[in-house]
Amino acid sequence: GNLLDAQEVRKEFGGLLAVNDLDFTIPERAIVSLIG
């Protein structure tokens, strides 16, 4: 039922860890916000 399913996504720039093993889903037709 999820349109998007991100599994343990990690992004490093050199020694900088910008996204740390992120699990994230978006159900179909949902409105979801990402804040911080």
Full PDB file with SEQRES, HELIX, SHEET, SSBOND, CRYST1, ORIGX, SCALE, CONECT and MASTER records, all heavy atoms in Angstrom:
SEQRES   1 A   36  GLY ASN LEU LEU ASP ALA GLN GLU VAL ARG LYS GLU PHE          
SEQRES   2 A   36  GLY GLY LEU LEU ALA VAL ASN ASP LEU ASP PHE THR ILE          
SEQRES   3 A   36  PRO GLU ARG ALA ILE VAL SER LEU ILE GLY                      
SHEET    1 AA1 2 ASN A   2  PHE A  13  0                                        
SHEET    2 AA1 2 LEU A  16  PRO A  27 -1                                        
CRYST1    1.000    1.000    1.000  90.00  90.00  90.00 P 1           1          
ORIGX1      1.000000  0.000000  0.000000        0.00000                         
ORIGX2      0.000000  1.000000  0.000000        0.00000                         
ORIGX3      0.000000  0.000000  1.000000        0.00000                         
SCALE1      1.000000  0.000000  0.000000        0.00000                         
SCALE2      0.000000  1.000000  0.000000        0.00000                         
SCALE3      0.000000  0.000000  1.000000        0.00000                         
ATOM      1  N   GLY A   1       0.806  -1.217   0.000  1.00  0.00           N  
ATOM      2  CA  GLY A   1       0.000   0.000   0.000  1.00  0.00           C  
ATOM      3  C   GLY A   1       0.831   1.254   0.000  1.00  0.00           C  
ATOM      4  O   GLY A   1       0.305   2.358   0.095  1.00  0.00           O  
ATOM      5  N   ASN A   2       2.165   1.110  -0.093  1.00  0.00           N  
ATOM      6  CA  ASN A   2       3.055   2.261  -0.110  1.00  0.00           C  
ATOM      7  C   ASN A   2       3.492   2.575  -1.537  1.00  0.00           C  
ATOM      8  O   ASN A   2       3.891   1.679  -2.281  1.00  0.00           O  
ATOM      9  CB  ASN A   2       4.300   2.000   0.747  1.00  0.00           C  
ATOM     10  CG  ASN A   2       3.957   1.905   2.226  1.00  0.00           C  
ATOM     11  OD1 ASN A   2       3.095   2.636   2.714  1.00  0.00           O  
ATOM     12  ND2 ASN A   2       4.610   1.008   2.938  1.00  0.00           N  
ATOM     13  N   LEU A   3       3.410   3.855  -1.887  1.00  0.00           N  
ATOM     14  CA  LEU A   3       3.898   4.272  -3.200  1.00  0.00           C  
ATOM     15  C   LEU A   3       5.421   4.342  -3.190  1.00  0.00           C  
ATOM     16  O   LEU A   3       6.085   3.986  -4.164  1.00  0.00           O  
ATOM     17  CB  LEU A   3       3.307   5.638  -3.559  1.00  0.00           C  
ATOM     18  CG  LEU A   3       3.656   6.178  -4.942  1.00  0.00           C  
ATOM     19  CD1 LEU A   3       3.149   5.251  -6.040  1.00  0.00           C  
ATOM     20  CD2 LEU A   3       3.077   7.576  -5.125  1.00  0.00           C  
ATOM     21  N   LEU A   4       5.975   4.799  -2.069  1.00  0.00           N  
ATOM     22  CA  LEU A   4       7.434   4.886  -1.939  1.00  0.00           C  
ATOM     23  C   LEU A   4       7.879   4.160  -0.687  1.00  0.00           C  
ATOM     24  O   LEU A   4       7.238   4.246   0.358  1.00  0.00           O  
ATOM     25  CB  LEU A   4       7.884   6.349  -1.876  1.00  0.00           C  
ATOM     26  CG  LEU A   4       9.407   6.513  -1.818  1.00  0.00           C  
ATOM     27  CD1 LEU A   4       9.897   7.460  -2.900  1.00  0.00           C  
ATOM     28  CD2 LEU A   4       9.860   7.016  -0.455  1.00  0.00           C  
ATOM     29  N   ASP A   5       8.981   3.429  -0.815  1.00  0.00           N  
ATOM     30  CA  ASP A   5       9.534   2.672   0.309  1.00  0.00           C  
ATOM     31  C   ASP A   5      11.050   2.808   0.277  1.00  0.00           C  
ATOM     32  O   ASP A   5      11.723   2.205  -0.555  1.00  0.00           O  
ATOM     33  CB  ASP A   5       9.112   1.199   0.182  1.00  0.00           C  
ATOM     34  CG  ASP A   5       9.519   0.365   1.390  1.00  0.00           C  
ATOM     35  OD1 ASP A   5      10.089   0.938   2.340  1.00  0.00           O  
ATOM     36  OD2 ASP A   5       9.279  -0.853   1.375  1.00  0.00           O  
ATOM     37  N   ALA A   6      11.581   3.659   1.143  1.00  0.00           N  
ATOM     38  CA  ALA A   6      13.030   3.855   1.245  1.00  0.00           C  
ATOM     39  C   ALA A   6      13.551   3.013   2.405  1.00  0.00           C  
ATOM     40  O   ALA A   6      13.037   3.102   3.527  1.00  0.00           O  
ATOM     41  CB  ALA A   6      13.353   5.328   1.472  1.00  0.00           C  
ATOM     42  N   GLN A   7      14.539   2.187   2.122  1.00  0.00           N  
ATOM     43  CA  GLN A   7      15.023   1.226   3.102  1.00  0.00           C  
ATOM     44  C   GLN A   7      16.492   1.495   3.435  1.00  0.00           C  
ATOM     45  O   GLN A   7      17.367   1.409   2.563  1.00  0.00           O  
ATOM     46  CB  GLN A   7      14.874  -0.198   2.544  1.00  0.00           C  
ATOM     47  CG  GLN A   7      13.445  -0.550   2.165  1.00  0.00           C  
ATOM     48  CD  GLN A   7      13.347  -1.835   1.363  1.00  0.00           C  
ATOM     49  OE1 GLN A   7      14.347  -2.459   1.012  1.00  0.00           O  
ATOM     50  NE2 GLN A   7      12.115  -2.249   1.042  1.00  0.00           N  
ATOM     51  N   GLU A   8      16.739   1.876   4.706  1.00  0.00           N  
ATOM     52  CA  GLU A   8      18.093   2.086   5.224  1.00  0.00           C  
ATOM     53  C   GLU A   8      18.929   2.982   4.305  1.00  0.00           C  
ATOM     54  O   GLU A   8      20.081   2.685   3.986  1.00  0.00           O  
ATOM     55  CB  GLU A   8      18.799   0.741   5.448  1.00  0.00           C  
ATOM     56  CG  GLU A   8      18.103  -0.117   6.495  1.00  0.00           C  
ATOM     57  CD  GLU A   8      18.869  -1.391   6.828  1.00  0.00           C  
ATOM     58  OE1 GLU A   8      19.785  -1.750   6.067  1.00  0.00           O  
ATOM     59  OE2 GLU A   8      18.541  -2.011   7.849  1.00  0.00           O  
ATOM     60  N   VAL A   9      18.324   4.091   3.884  1.00  0.00           N  
ATOM     61  CA  VAL A   9      19.027   5.009   2.981  1.00  0.00           C  
ATOM     62  C   VAL A   9      20.071   5.803   3.767  1.00  0.00           C  
ATOM     63  O   VAL A   9      19.769   6.415   4.806  1.00  0.00           O  
ATOM     64  CB  VAL A   9      18.042   5.962   2.277  1.00  0.00           C  
ATOM     65  CG1 VAL A   9      18.784   7.075   1.531  1.00  0.00           C  
ATOM     66  CG2 VAL A   9      17.162   5.180   1.320  1.00  0.00           C  
ATOM     67  N   ARG A  10      21.280   5.789   3.239  1.00  0.00           N  
ATOM     68  CA  ARG A  10      22.407   6.461   3.879  1.00  0.00           C  
ATOM     69  C   ARG A  10      23.084   7.351   2.850  1.00  0.00           C  
ATOM     70  O   ARG A  10      23.271   6.957   1.698  1.00  0.00           O  
ATOM     71  CB  ARG A  10      23.396   5.400   4.387  1.00  0.00           C  
ATOM     72  CG  ARG A  10      24.561   5.932   5.217  1.00  0.00           C  
ATOM     73  CD  ARG A  10      25.441   4.751   5.651  1.00  0.00           C  
ATOM     74  NE  ARG A  10      26.451   5.140   6.613  1.00  0.00           N  
ATOM     75  CZ  ARG A  10      26.276   5.167   7.920  1.00  0.00           C  
ATOM     76  NH1 ARG A  10      25.100   4.805   8.440  1.00  0.00           N  
ATOM     77  NH2 ARG A  10      27.240   5.534   8.735  1.00  0.00           N  
ATOM     78  N   LYS A  11      23.438   8.570   3.250  1.00  0.00           N  
ATOM     79  CA  LYS A  11      24.171   9.464   2.368  1.00  0.00           C  
ATOM     80  C   LYS A  11      25.285  10.151   3.137  1.00  0.00           C  
ATOM     81  O   LYS A  11      25.036  10.825   4.140  1.00  0.00           O  
ATOM     82  CB  LYS A  11      23.228  10.518   1.761  1.00  0.00           C  
ATOM     83  CG  LYS A  11      23.928  11.494   0.823  1.00  0.00           C  
ATOM     84  CD  LYS A  11      24.594  10.802  -0.347  1.00  0.00           C  
ATOM     85  CE  LYS A  11      25.399  11.763  -1.202  1.00  0.00           C  
ATOM     86  NZ  LYS A  11      26.177  11.048  -2.256  1.00  0.00           N  
ATOM     87  N   GLU A  12      26.510   9.927   2.679  1.00  0.00           N  
ATOM     88  CA  GLU A  12      27.689  10.553   3.275  1.00  0.00           C  
ATOM     89  C   GLU A  12      28.346  11.471   2.254  1.00  0.00           C  
ATOM     90  O   GLU A  12      28.396  11.162   1.060  1.00  0.00           O  
ATOM     91  CB  GLU A  12      28.696   9.480   3.711  1.00  0.00           C  
ATOM     92  CG  GLU A  12      28.163   8.525   4.775  1.00  0.00           C  
ATOM     93  CD  GLU A  12      29.125   7.357   5.045  1.00  0.00           C  
ATOM     94  OE1 GLU A  12      30.245   7.374   4.497  1.00  0.00           O  
ATOM     95  OE2 GLU A  12      28.727   6.430   5.781  1.00  0.00           O  
ATOM     96  N   PHE A  13      28.823  12.607   2.719  1.00  0.00           N  
ATOM     97  CA  PHE A  13      29.640  13.502   1.901  1.00  0.00           C  
ATOM     98  C   PHE A  13      31.031  13.542   2.543  1.00  0.00           C  
ATOM     99  O   PHE A  13      31.227  14.217   3.537  1.00  0.00           O  
ATOM    100  CB  PHE A  13      29.056  14.917   1.864  1.00  0.00           C  
ATOM    101  CG  PHE A  13      27.701  15.009   1.239  1.00  0.00           C  
ATOM    102  CD1 PHE A  13      26.558  15.031   2.020  1.00  0.00           C  
ATOM    103  CD2 PHE A  13      27.565  15.081  -0.143  1.00  0.00           C  
ATOM    104  CE1 PHE A  13      25.292  15.135   1.442  1.00  0.00           C  
ATOM    105  CE2 PHE A  13      26.305  15.178  -0.733  1.00  0.00           C  
ATOM    106  CZ  PHE A  13      25.176  15.208   0.064  1.00  0.00           C  
ATOM    107  N   GLY A  14      31.962  12.798   1.956  1.00  0.00           N  
ATOM    108  CA  GLY A  14      33.272  12.693   2.607  1.00  0.00           C  
ATOM    109  C   GLY A  14      33.086  12.080   3.987  1.00  0.00           C  
ATOM    110  O   GLY A  14      32.524  11.003   4.125  1.00  0.00           O  
ATOM    111  N   GLY A  15      33.467  12.795   5.024  1.00  0.00           N  
ATOM    112  CA  GLY A  15      33.309  12.273   6.386  1.00  0.00           C  
ATOM    113  C   GLY A  15      31.996  12.682   7.032  1.00  0.00           C  
ATOM    114  O   GLY A  15      31.723  12.301   8.183  1.00  0.00           O  
ATOM    115  N   LEU A  16      31.180  13.457   6.319  1.00  0.00           N  
ATOM    116  CA  LEU A  16      29.936  13.956   6.910  1.00  0.00           C  
ATOM    117  C   LEU A  16      28.794  13.007   6.613  1.00  0.00           C  
ATOM    118  O   LEU A  16      28.524  12.685   5.457  1.00  0.00           O  
ATOM    119  CB  LEU A  16      29.606  15.347   6.347  1.00  0.00           C  
ATOM    120  CG  LEU A  16      28.259  15.943   6.768  1.00  0.00           C  
ATOM    121  CD1 LEU A  16      28.289  16.319   8.240  1.00  0.00           C  
ATOM    122  CD2 LEU A  16      27.921  17.158   5.912  1.00  0.00           C  
ATOM    123  N   LEU A  17      28.111  12.579   7.665  1.00  0.00           N  
ATOM    124  CA  LEU A  17      26.944  11.714   7.514  1.00  0.00           C  
ATOM    125  C   LEU A  17      25.692  12.596   7.495  1.00  0.00           C  
ATOM    126  O   LEU A  17      25.306  13.156   8.513  1.00  0.00           O  
ATOM    127  CB  LEU A  17      26.882  10.709   8.674  1.00  0.00           C  
ATOM    128  CG  LEU A  17      25.701   9.735   8.683  1.00  0.00           C  
ATOM    129  CD1 LEU A  17      25.649   8.905   7.406  1.00  0.00           C  
ATOM    130  CD2 LEU A  17      25.774   8.828   9.914  1.00  0.00           C  
ATOM    131  N   ALA A  18      25.062  12.726   6.317  1.00  0.00           N  
ATOM    132  CA  ALA A  18      23.911  13.622   6.166  1.00  0.00           C  
ATOM    133  C   ALA A  18      22.584  12.903   6.390  1.00  0.00           C  
ATOM    134  O   ALA A  18      21.641  13.486   6.921  1.00  0.00           O  
ATOM    135  CB  ALA A  18      23.930  14.258   4.780  1.00  0.00           C  
ATOM    136  N   VAL A  19      22.495  11.641   5.952  1.00  0.00           N  
ATOM    137  CA  VAL A  19      21.290  10.816   6.157  1.00  0.00           C  
ATOM    138  C   VAL A  19      21.756   9.469   6.675  1.00  0.00           C  
ATOM    139  O   VAL A  19      22.588   8.809   6.049  1.00  0.00           O  
ATOM    140  CB  VAL A  19      20.477  10.642   4.847  1.00  0.00           C  
ATOM    141  CG1 VAL A  19      19.272   9.746   5.084  1.00  0.00           C  
ATOM    142  CG2 VAL A  19      20.031  11.992   4.291  1.00  0.00           C  
ATOM    143  N   ASN A  20      21.205   9.068   7.828  1.00  0.00           N  
ATOM    144  CA  ASN A  20      21.751   7.916   8.539  1.00  0.00           C  
ATOM    145  C   ASN A  20      20.776   6.734   8.544  1.00  0.00           C  
ATOM    146  O   ASN A  20      19.886   6.648   9.383  1.00  0.00           O  
ATOM    147  CB  ASN A  20      22.091   8.337   9.984  1.00  0.00           C  
ATOM    148  CG  ASN A  20      22.812   7.232  10.746  1.00  0.00           C  
ATOM    149  OD1 ASN A  20      23.183   6.205  10.179  1.00  0.00           O  
ATOM    150  ND2 ASN A  20      23.005   7.447  12.033  1.00  0.00           N  
ATOM    151  N   ASP A  21      20.941   5.833   7.563  1.00  0.00           N  
ATOM    152  CA  ASP A  21      20.190   4.565   7.513  1.00  0.00           C  
ATOM    153  C   ASP A  21      18.691   4.787   7.748  1.00  0.00           C  
ATOM    154  O   ASP A  21      18.071   4.174   8.621  1.00  0.00           O  
ATOM    155  CB  ASP A  21      20.748   3.576   8.540  1.00  0.00           C  
ATOM    156  CG  ASP A  21      22.190   3.192   8.233  1.00  0.00           C  
ATOM    157  OD1 ASP A  21      22.616   3.421   7.082  1.00  0.00           O  
ATOM    158  OD2 ASP A  21      22.875   2.689   9.123  1.00  0.00           O  
ATOM    159  N   LEU A  22      18.107   5.644   6.931  1.00  0.00           N  
ATOM    160  CA  LEU A  22      16.731   6.076   7.122  1.00  0.00           C  
ATOM    161  C   LEU A  22      15.743   5.122   6.447  1.00  0.00           C  
ATOM    162  O   LEU A  22      15.860   4.819   5.261  1.00  0.00           O  
ATOM    163  CB  LEU A  22      16.555   7.491   6.540  1.00  0.00           C  
ATOM    164  CG  LEU A  22      15.184   8.137   6.684  1.00  0.00           C  
ATOM    165  CD1 LEU A  22      14.814   8.327   8.150  1.00  0.00           C  
ATOM    166  CD2 LEU A  22      15.156   9.492   5.966  1.00  0.00           C  
ATOM    167  N   ASP A  23      14.769   4.654   7.216  1.00  0.00           N  
ATOM    168  CA  ASP A  23      13.622   3.919   6.676  1.00  0.00           C  
ATOM    169  C   ASP A  23      12.458   4.900   6.581  1.00  0.00           C  
ATOM    170  O   ASP A  23      12.146   5.597   7.552  1.00  0.00           O  
ATOM    171  CB  ASP A  23      13.220   2.758   7.601  1.00  0.00           C  
ATOM    172  CG  ASP A  23      14.237   1.629   7.593  1.00  0.00           C  
ATOM    173  OD1 ASP A  23      14.784   1.325   6.517  1.00  0.00           O  
ATOM    174  OD2 ASP A  23      14.490   1.055   8.669  1.00  0.00           O  
ATOM    175  N   PHE A  24      11.804   4.925   5.415  1.00  0.00           N  
ATOM    176  CA  PHE A  24      10.768   5.929   5.201  1.00  0.00           C  
ATOM    177  C   PHE A  24       9.793   5.422   4.146  1.00  0.00           C  
ATOM    178  O   PHE A  24      10.210   4.969   3.079  1.00  0.00           O  
ATOM    179  CB  PHE A  24      11.415   7.235   4.726  1.00  0.00           C  
ATOM    180  CG  PHE A  24      10.463   8.380   4.539  1.00  0.00           C  
ATOM    181  CD1 PHE A  24      10.060   9.139   5.617  1.00  0.00           C  
ATOM    182  CD2 PHE A  24       9.985   8.703   3.283  1.00  0.00           C  
ATOM    183  CE1 PHE A  24       9.189  10.207   5.454  1.00  0.00           C  
ATOM    184  CE2 PHE A  24       9.113   9.757   3.101  1.00  0.00           C  
ATOM    185  CZ  PHE A  24       8.710  10.519   4.196  1.00  0.00           C  
ATOM    186  N   THR A  25       8.502   5.475   4.463  1.00  0.00           N  
ATOM    187  CA  THR A  25       7.492   5.047   3.485  1.00  0.00           C  
ATOM    188  C   THR A  25       6.465   6.159   3.283  1.00  0.00           C  
ATOM    189  O   THR A  25       6.254   7.002   4.167  1.00  0.00           O  
ATOM    190  CB  THR A  25       6.746   3.781   3.950  1.00  0.00           C  
ATOM    191  OG1 THR A  25       6.072   4.067   5.187  1.00  0.00           O  
ATOM    192  CG2 THR A  25       7.694   2.608   4.130  1.00  0.00           C  
ATOM    193  N   ILE A  26       5.841   6.150   2.109  1.00  0.00           N  
ATOM    194  CA  ILE A  26       4.730   7.061   1.837  1.00  0.00           C  
ATOM    195  C   ILE A  26       3.571   6.235   1.303  1.00  0.00           C  
ATOM    196  O   ILE A  26       3.668   5.650   0.224  1.00  0.00           O  
ATOM    197  CB  ILE A  26       5.105   8.133   0.791  1.00  0.00           C  
ATOM    198  CG1 ILE A  26       6.391   8.860   1.185  1.00  0.00           C  
ATOM    199  CG2 ILE A  26       3.957   9.129   0.638  1.00  0.00           C  
ATOM    200  CD1 ILE A  26       6.852   9.866   0.154  1.00  0.00           C  
ATOM    201  N   PRO A  27       2.460   6.168   2.054  1.00  0.00           N  
ATOM    202  CA  PRO A  27       1.287   5.448   1.553  1.00  0.00           C  
ATOM    203  C   PRO A  27       0.707   6.153   0.329  1.00  0.00           C  
ATOM    204  O   PRO A  27       0.821   7.371   0.189  1.00  0.00           O  
ATOM    205  CB  PRO A  27       0.303   5.508   2.731  1.00  0.00           C  
ATOM    206  CG  PRO A  27       1.130   5.861   3.924  1.00  0.00           C  
ATOM    207  CD  PRO A  27       2.255   6.695   3.410  1.00  0.00           C  
ATOM    208  N   GLU A  28       0.076   5.386  -0.537  1.00  0.00           N  
ATOM    209  CA  GLU A  28      -0.566   5.970  -1.715  1.00  0.00           C  
ATOM    210  C   GLU A  28      -1.618   6.989  -1.302  1.00  0.00           C  
ATOM    211  O   GLU A  28      -2.374   6.788  -0.364  1.00  0.00           O  
ATOM    212  CB  GLU A  28      -1.217   4.868  -2.560  1.00  0.00           C  
ATOM    213  CG  GLU A  28      -0.185   4.040  -3.308  1.00  0.00           C  
ATOM    214  CD  GLU A  28      -0.774   3.388  -4.543  1.00  0.00           C  
ATOM    215  OE1 GLU A  28      -1.469   4.075  -5.312  1.00  0.00           O  
ATOM    216  OE2 GLU A  28      -0.521   2.193  -4.725  1.00  0.00           O  
ATOM    217  N   ARG A  29      -1.632   8.109  -2.020  1.00  0.00           N  
ATOM    218  CA  ARG A  29      -2.598   9.202  -1.852  1.00  0.00           C  
ATOM    219  C   ARG A  29      -2.512   9.890  -0.494  1.00  0.00           C  
ATOM    220  O   ARG A  29      -3.446  10.599  -0.094  1.00  0.00           O  
ATOM    221  CB  ARG A  29      -4.033   8.727  -2.104  1.00  0.00           C  
ATOM    222  CG  ARG A  29      -4.245   8.277  -3.540  1.00  0.00           C  
ATOM    223  CD  ARG A  29      -5.709   8.329  -3.912  1.00  0.00           C  
ATOM    224  NE  ARG A  29      -5.900   8.049  -5.325  1.00  0.00           N  
ATOM    225  CZ  ARG A  29      -6.995   8.340  -6.013  1.00  0.00           C  
ATOM    226  NH1 ARG A  29      -8.000   8.926  -5.408  1.00  0.00           N  
ATOM    227  NH2 ARG A  29      -7.103   8.049  -7.285  1.00  0.00           N  
ATOM    228  N   ALA A  30      -1.428   9.699   0.232  1.00  0.00           N  
ATOM    229  CA  ALA A  30      -1.251  10.376   1.522  1.00  0.00           C  
ATOM    230  C   ALA A  30      -0.601  11.749   1.307  1.00  0.00           C  
ATOM    231  O   ALA A  30       0.020  12.010   0.276  1.00  0.00           O  
ATOM    232  CB  ALA A  30      -0.376   9.537   2.445  1.00  0.00           C  
ATOM    233  N   ILE A  31      -0.767  12.628   2.291  1.00  0.00           N  
ATOM    234  CA  ILE A  31       0.022  13.860   2.372  1.00  0.00           C  
ATOM    235  C   ILE A  31       0.911  13.716   3.598  1.00  0.00           C  
ATOM    236  O   ILE A  31       0.427  13.649   4.730  1.00  0.00           O  
ATOM    237  CB  ILE A  31      -0.858  15.112   2.496  1.00  0.00           C  
ATOM    238  CG1 ILE A  31      -1.790  15.248   1.284  1.00  0.00           C  
ATOM    239  CG2 ILE A  31       0.012  16.365   2.617  1.00  0.00           C  
ATOM    240  CD1 ILE A  31      -2.755  16.427   1.369  1.00  0.00           C  
ATOM    241  N   VAL A  32       2.202  13.633   3.350  1.00  0.00           N  
ATOM    242  CA  VAL A  32       3.184  13.355   4.399  1.00  0.00           C  
ATOM    243  C   VAL A  32       4.181  14.509   4.443  1.00  0.00           C  
ATOM    244  O   VAL A  32       4.573  15.039   3.400  1.00  0.00           O  
ATOM    245  CB  VAL A  32       3.922  12.024   4.092  1.00  0.00           C  
ATOM    246  CG1 VAL A  32       5.078  11.803   5.044  1.00  0.00           C  
ATOM    247  CG2 VAL A  32       2.946  10.854   4.155  1.00  0.00           C  
ATOM    248  N   SER A  33       4.565  14.925   5.657  1.00  0.00           N  
ATOM    249  CA  SER A  33       5.553  15.992   5.793  1.00  0.00           C  
ATOM    250  C   SER A  33       6.830  15.478   6.439  1.00  0.00           C  
ATOM    251  O   SER A  33       6.793  14.595   7.307  1.00  0.00           O  
ATOM    252  CB  SER A  33       5.004  17.144   6.640  1.00  0.00           C  
ATOM    253  OG  SER A  33       4.064  17.894   5.916  1.00  0.00           O  
ATOM    254  N   LEU A  34       7.936  16.052   5.986  1.00  0.00           N  
ATOM    255  CA  LEU A  34       9.258  15.763   6.531  1.00  0.00           C  
ATOM    256  C   LEU A  34       9.761  17.060   7.139  1.00  0.00           C  
ATOM    257  O   LEU A  34       9.897  18.075   6.440  1.00  0.00           O  
ATOM    258  CB  LEU A  34      10.176  15.313   5.387  1.00  0.00           C  
ATOM    259  CG  LEU A  34      11.522  14.695   5.704  1.00  0.00           C  
ATOM    260  CD1 LEU A  34      11.360  13.409   6.505  1.00  0.00           C  
ATOM    261  CD2 LEU A  34      12.277  14.394   4.404  1.00  0.00           C  
ATOM    262  N   ILE A  35       9.968  17.067   8.450  1.00  0.00           N  
ATOM    263  CA  ILE A  35      10.372  18.300   9.125  1.00  0.00           C  
ATOM    264  C   ILE A  35      11.641  18.042   9.945  1.00  0.00           C  
ATOM    265  O   ILE A  35      12.075  16.908  10.124  1.00  0.00           O  
ATOM    266  CB  ILE A  35       9.248  18.865  10.027  1.00  0.00           C  
ATOM    267  CG1 ILE A  35       8.998  17.944  11.240  1.00  0.00           C  
ATOM    268  CG2 ILE A  35       7.962  19.071   9.237  1.00  0.00           C  
ATOM    269  CD1 ILE A  35       8.070  18.559  12.301  1.00  0.00           C  
ATOM    270  N   GLY A  36      12.204  19.123  10.451  1.00  0.00           N  
ATOM    271  CA  GLY A  36      13.411  19.032  11.268  1.00  0.00           C  
ATOM    272  C   GLY A  36      14.157  20.348  11.203  1.00  0.00           C  
ATOM    273  O   GLY A  36      13.928  21.158  10.295  1.00  0.00           O  
TER     274      GLY A  36                                                      
MASTER        0    0    0    0    2    0    0    6  273    1    0    3          
END                                                                             
